[in-house]
Protein backbone atom coordinates (compact mmCIF):
# COMPACT_ATOMS: atom_id res chain seq x y z
CA UNK A 1 51.36 25.80 96.05
CA UNK A 2 48.53 26.70 93.65
CA UNK A 3 45.20 25.46 94.93
CA UNK A 4 42.42 23.81 92.93
CA UNK A 5 41.25 27.09 91.39
CA UNK A 6 44.74 28.31 90.55
CA UNK A 7 45.13 30.65 93.51
CA UNK A 8 48.75 31.37 94.41
CA UNK A 9 49.88 31.76 98.00
CA UNK A 10 53.05 33.75 97.23
CA UNK A 11 54.09 35.53 94.02
CA UNK A 12 57.53 37.04 93.40
CA UNK A 13 57.86 39.68 90.70
CA UNK A 14 61.44 40.46 89.66
CA UNK A 15 60.98 43.76 87.92
CA UNK A 16 58.43 44.97 90.43
CA UNK A 17 57.19 47.93 88.40
CA UNK A 18 56.95 46.12 85.05
CA UNK A 19 53.56 46.75 83.46
CA UNK A 20 53.45 43.25 82.05
CA UNK A 21 54.64 41.66 85.29
CA UNK A 22 52.09 43.56 87.34
CA UNK A 23 49.40 42.59 84.86
CA UNK A 24 50.22 38.91 85.40
CA UNK A 25 50.20 39.34 89.19
CA UNK A 26 46.84 41.10 88.97
CA UNK A 27 45.42 38.26 86.89
CA UNK A 28 46.50 35.74 89.56
CA UNK A 29 44.90 37.92 92.25
CA UNK A 30 41.58 37.57 90.43
CA UNK A 31 41.65 33.99 91.72
CA UNK A 32 42.16 35.03 95.34
CA UNK A 33 44.45 37.08 97.60
CA UNK A 34 48.15 36.25 97.91
CA UNK A 35 51.41 37.44 99.36
CA UNK A 36 53.26 39.44 96.69
CA UNK A 37 56.94 40.30 96.85
CA UNK A 38 58.00 43.08 94.49
CA UNK A 39 61.72 43.08 93.70
CA UNK A 40 62.45 46.53 92.32
CA UNK A 41 64.71 49.52 92.70
CA UNK A 42 63.72 51.18 95.98
CA UNK A 43 63.85 54.61 94.34
CA UNK A 44 61.56 53.70 91.43
CA UNK A 45 58.91 56.43 91.02
CA UNK A 46 56.32 53.80 90.05
CA UNK A 47 56.81 51.51 93.04
CA UNK A 48 54.43 53.17 95.49
CA UNK A 49 51.55 53.05 93.01
CA UNK A 50 52.26 49.40 92.20
CA UNK A 51 52.13 48.55 95.91
CA UNK A 52 48.89 50.44 96.41
CA UNK A 53 47.18 48.92 93.37
CA UNK A 54 48.04 45.37 94.43
CA UNK A 55 47.08 45.97 98.06
CA UNK A 56 43.68 47.23 96.86
CA UNK A 57 43.22 43.85 95.17
CA UNK A 58 43.86 41.94 98.38
CA UNK A 59 47.61 41.35 98.16
CA UNK A 60 49.96 41.43 101.15
CA UNK A 61 52.74 43.37 99.48
CA UNK A 62 56.38 43.60 100.53
CA UNK A 63 59.23 45.21 98.60
CA UNK A 64 62.81 43.97 98.21
CA UNK A 65 65.40 46.37 96.81
CA UNK A 66 66.60 44.86 93.53
CA UNK A 67 69.14 46.10 91.02
CA UNK A 68 69.21 43.83 87.97
CA UNK A 69 72.87 44.51 87.20
CA UNK A 70 74.16 44.26 90.78
CA UNK A 71 74.76 40.54 90.32
CA UNK A 72 76.50 40.04 93.68
CA UNK A 73 73.34 41.19 95.47
CA UNK A 74 71.03 38.70 93.75
CA UNK A 75 71.46 35.76 96.18
CA UNK A 76 70.42 37.99 99.10
CA UNK A 77 67.41 39.30 97.15
CA UNK A 78 66.16 35.79 96.39
CA UNK A 79 66.79 34.62 99.96
CA UNK A 80 64.86 37.64 101.26
CA UNK A 81 61.85 36.76 99.12
CA UNK A 82 61.86 33.18 100.44
CA UNK A 83 61.79 34.44 104.04
CA UNK A 84 58.05 34.84 103.47
CA UNK A 85 57.74 31.15 102.63
CA UNK A 86 57.78 29.09 99.44
CA UNK A 87 57.18 31.01 96.21
CA UNK A 88 54.49 29.55 93.95
CA UNK A 89 55.08 31.88 90.99
CA UNK A 90 58.28 33.80 90.24
CA UNK A 91 58.03 36.19 87.30
CA UNK A 92 61.21 37.43 85.59
CA UNK A 93 59.96 40.59 83.90
CA UNK A 94 62.68 43.24 83.89
CA UNK A 95 64.46 44.64 80.86
CA UNK A 96 65.23 47.64 78.71
CA UNK A 97 64.65 48.40 75.04
CA UNK A 98 66.67 51.50 74.23
CA UNK A 99 67.56 53.07 70.90
CA UNK A 100 68.46 50.06 68.78
CA UNK A 101 70.51 51.99 66.23
CA UNK A 102 72.51 53.65 68.99
CA UNK A 103 73.10 50.41 70.89
CA UNK A 104 75.09 48.56 68.25
CA UNK A 105 77.33 51.60 67.78
CA UNK A 106 77.88 52.43 71.46
CA UNK A 107 80.01 49.97 73.38
CA UNK A 108 79.03 51.00 76.90
CA UNK A 109 75.31 51.09 76.16
CA UNK A 110 75.38 47.79 74.27
CA UNK A 111 77.10 46.04 77.19
CA UNK A 112 74.68 47.60 79.68
CA UNK A 113 71.74 46.42 77.57
CA UNK A 114 73.07 42.87 77.38
CA UNK A 115 73.76 42.77 81.10
CA UNK A 116 70.23 43.87 81.94
CA UNK A 117 68.39 41.83 79.33
CA UNK A 118 70.45 38.63 79.38
CA UNK A 119 73.10 38.30 82.09
CA UNK A 120 70.79 39.47 84.87
CA UNK A 121 68.08 37.07 83.71
CA UNK A 122 70.55 34.17 83.87
CA UNK A 123 71.79 35.32 87.28
CA UNK A 124 68.35 35.25 88.88
CA UNK A 125 67.36 32.18 86.84
CA UNK A 126 70.10 30.03 88.36
CA UNK A 127 69.11 31.16 91.86
CA UNK A 128 65.41 30.58 91.22
CA UNK A 129 66.14 27.16 89.76
CA UNK A 130 67.92 26.17 92.99
CA UNK A 131 65.05 27.37 95.17
CA UNK A 132 62.30 25.79 93.09
CA UNK A 133 64.12 22.49 92.80
CA UNK A 134 64.53 22.37 96.57
CA UNK A 135 60.89 23.22 97.34
CA UNK A 136 59.61 20.79 94.70
CA UNK A 137 56.78 22.85 93.24
CA UNK A 138 55.94 26.16 91.57
CA UNK A 139 56.53 27.87 88.23
CA UNK A 140 59.15 30.33 87.03
CA UNK A 141 57.64 32.62 84.39
CA UNK A 142 60.29 34.11 82.10
CA UNK A 143 59.35 36.98 79.80
CA UNK A 144 61.03 36.29 76.47
CA UNK A 145 60.09 37.86 73.14
CA UNK A 146 59.21 37.01 69.58
CA UNK A 147 62.23 39.21 68.78
CA UNK A 148 64.45 36.36 69.94
CA UNK A 149 62.99 33.74 67.62
CA UNK A 150 64.76 35.09 64.50
CA UNK A 151 66.93 38.06 65.37
CA UNK A 152 66.34 40.98 63.01
CA UNK A 153 68.68 43.74 61.89
CA UNK A 154 66.32 46.41 63.26
CA UNK A 155 66.71 45.37 66.91
CA UNK A 156 69.50 42.81 66.99
CA UNK A 157 71.13 43.88 70.27
CA UNK A 158 67.83 43.45 72.11
CA UNK A 159 66.79 40.44 70.03
CA UNK A 160 70.06 38.60 70.62
CA UNK A 161 69.64 38.98 74.38
CA UNK A 162 66.09 37.68 74.19
CA UNK A 163 67.25 34.71 72.10
CA UNK A 164 69.66 33.88 74.91
CA UNK A 165 66.98 34.28 77.58
CA UNK A 166 64.62 32.03 75.65
CA UNK A 167 67.20 29.28 75.27
CA UNK A 168 68.29 29.49 78.89
CA UNK A 169 64.82 29.25 80.40
CA UNK A 170 63.54 26.57 78.03
CA UNK A 171 66.43 24.41 79.14
CA UNK A 172 66.10 25.38 82.79
CA UNK A 173 62.68 23.76 82.52
CA UNK A 174 64.34 20.66 81.10
CA UNK A 175 66.88 20.68 83.94
CA UNK A 176 64.06 20.89 86.52
CA UNK A 177 62.08 18.07 84.92
CA UNK A 178 61.05 15.55 87.55
CA UNK A 179 61.57 17.97 90.45
CA UNK A 180 57.96 19.15 90.61
CA UNK A 181 58.95 22.68 89.52
CA UNK A 182 58.39 24.12 86.04
CA UNK A 183 59.38 27.01 83.81
CA UNK A 184 57.06 28.86 81.43
CA UNK A 185 58.63 30.98 78.67
CA UNK A 186 56.28 33.72 77.42
CA UNK A 187 56.79 35.26 73.96
CA UNK A 188 54.45 38.23 73.64
CA UNK A 189 55.56 40.09 70.53
CA UNK A 190 54.95 43.82 70.87
CA UNK A 191 52.79 44.81 73.84
CA UNK A 192 51.05 48.15 74.35
CA UNK A 193 53.07 49.55 77.26
CA UNK A 194 54.82 52.80 78.11
CA UNK A 195 58.12 51.26 76.97
CA UNK A 196 56.80 50.57 73.46
CA UNK A 197 54.53 53.60 73.09
CA UNK A 198 56.87 55.55 70.80
CA UNK A 199 57.20 52.63 68.39
CA UNK A 200 53.50 52.57 67.49
CA UNK A 201 51.53 49.41 66.85
CA UNK A 202 53.29 46.64 64.94
CA UNK A 203 51.37 43.74 63.36
CA UNK A 204 49.88 41.39 65.98
CA UNK A 205 50.44 43.86 68.84
CA UNK A 206 48.67 42.75 72.04
CA UNK A 207 47.54 44.35 75.29
CA UNK A 208 48.94 43.73 78.77
CA UNK A 209 45.68 42.02 79.69
CA UNK A 210 46.15 39.58 76.78
CA UNK A 211 49.61 38.65 78.05
CA UNK A 212 48.33 38.26 81.61
CA UNK A 213 45.42 36.00 80.71
CA UNK A 214 47.52 33.85 78.37
CA UNK A 215 50.28 33.51 80.96
CA UNK A 216 48.03 32.48 83.83
CA UNK A 217 46.23 30.00 81.58
CA UNK A 218 49.55 28.50 80.44
CA UNK A 219 50.79 28.15 84.03
CA UNK A 220 47.61 26.30 84.98
CA UNK A 221 47.95 24.07 81.90
CA UNK A 222 51.60 23.27 82.70
CA UNK A 223 52.93 24.55 79.37
CA UNK A 224 56.62 25.10 78.70
CA UNK A 225 56.26 28.04 76.30
CA UNK A 226 53.60 30.16 74.63
CA UNK A 227 53.21 32.80 71.96
CA UNK A 228 50.65 35.28 73.29
CA UNK A 229 49.23 35.95 69.82
CA UNK A 230 48.70 32.46 68.34
CA UNK A 231 49.66 33.56 64.82
CA UNK A 232 53.22 34.26 65.95
CA UNK A 233 53.79 30.54 66.32
CA UNK A 234 53.46 30.15 62.55
CA UNK A 235 55.18 33.44 61.69
CA UNK A 236 58.21 32.52 63.78
CA UNK A 237 58.35 29.07 62.23
CA UNK A 238 58.26 30.55 58.73
CA UNK A 239 60.99 33.07 59.61
CA UNK A 240 63.40 30.24 60.47
CA UNK A 241 63.40 29.04 56.86
CA UNK A 242 63.79 32.38 55.06
CA UNK A 243 67.37 32.78 53.70
CA UNK A 244 69.19 35.81 55.10
CA UNK A 245 69.50 37.60 51.71
CA UNK A 246 65.69 37.58 51.48
CA UNK A 247 65.10 38.12 55.20
CA UNK A 248 67.13 41.37 55.16
CA UNK A 249 64.76 42.81 52.52
CA UNK A 250 61.64 42.36 54.64
CA UNK A 251 60.15 45.71 55.83
CA UNK A 252 60.74 45.50 59.59
């Protein structure tokens, strides 16, 4: 359970090499040391560095082998994480972007994208919901996206998955209401990471540190959802009312 200064005792990161996820974990560690469980592919080339960086910040790090699309293995992964005790913060931060023009024209790649970005998030979300409801405290942090608020032609395979993730986790929070557990849905917009480097900066692009600080603050404030850049709240609202014939002419 988070203490009076917001220090977590145990943090689970599903997507254990995610730059954004690790940024959030690091921000929590600024408030004091914690046990950290990284759920990631055991063969990930970035895993060793992630472990070392967190250990240098005072974390007791353990790794659980996690394949987002091996759905049958997910119950064992979640159970393994809980062997270290109750989880105060579980961060769902895995996903892929891919070539958006290729995805909608390639059946196998489109299905793989949807399984990673949506189905896998639902799979672990149901399992986390069960655990958090039983323990009666803690927060599930789900990384959504502004791309899911009004799905655009330019990235609609990815955006449609994020729309589903957003709706699922918002309502998982509603389902957990009264249990003592909460869900926070984070909508960053574009973030400066290796995954987005080739795309260049879009309007209202933010840094990993911005996402981390906003997320930790929102967890401590008990919020249900946040836009990392505050202007996106109004942009997304405006997008909902633009007719599709006009929306398709917008330059993005």
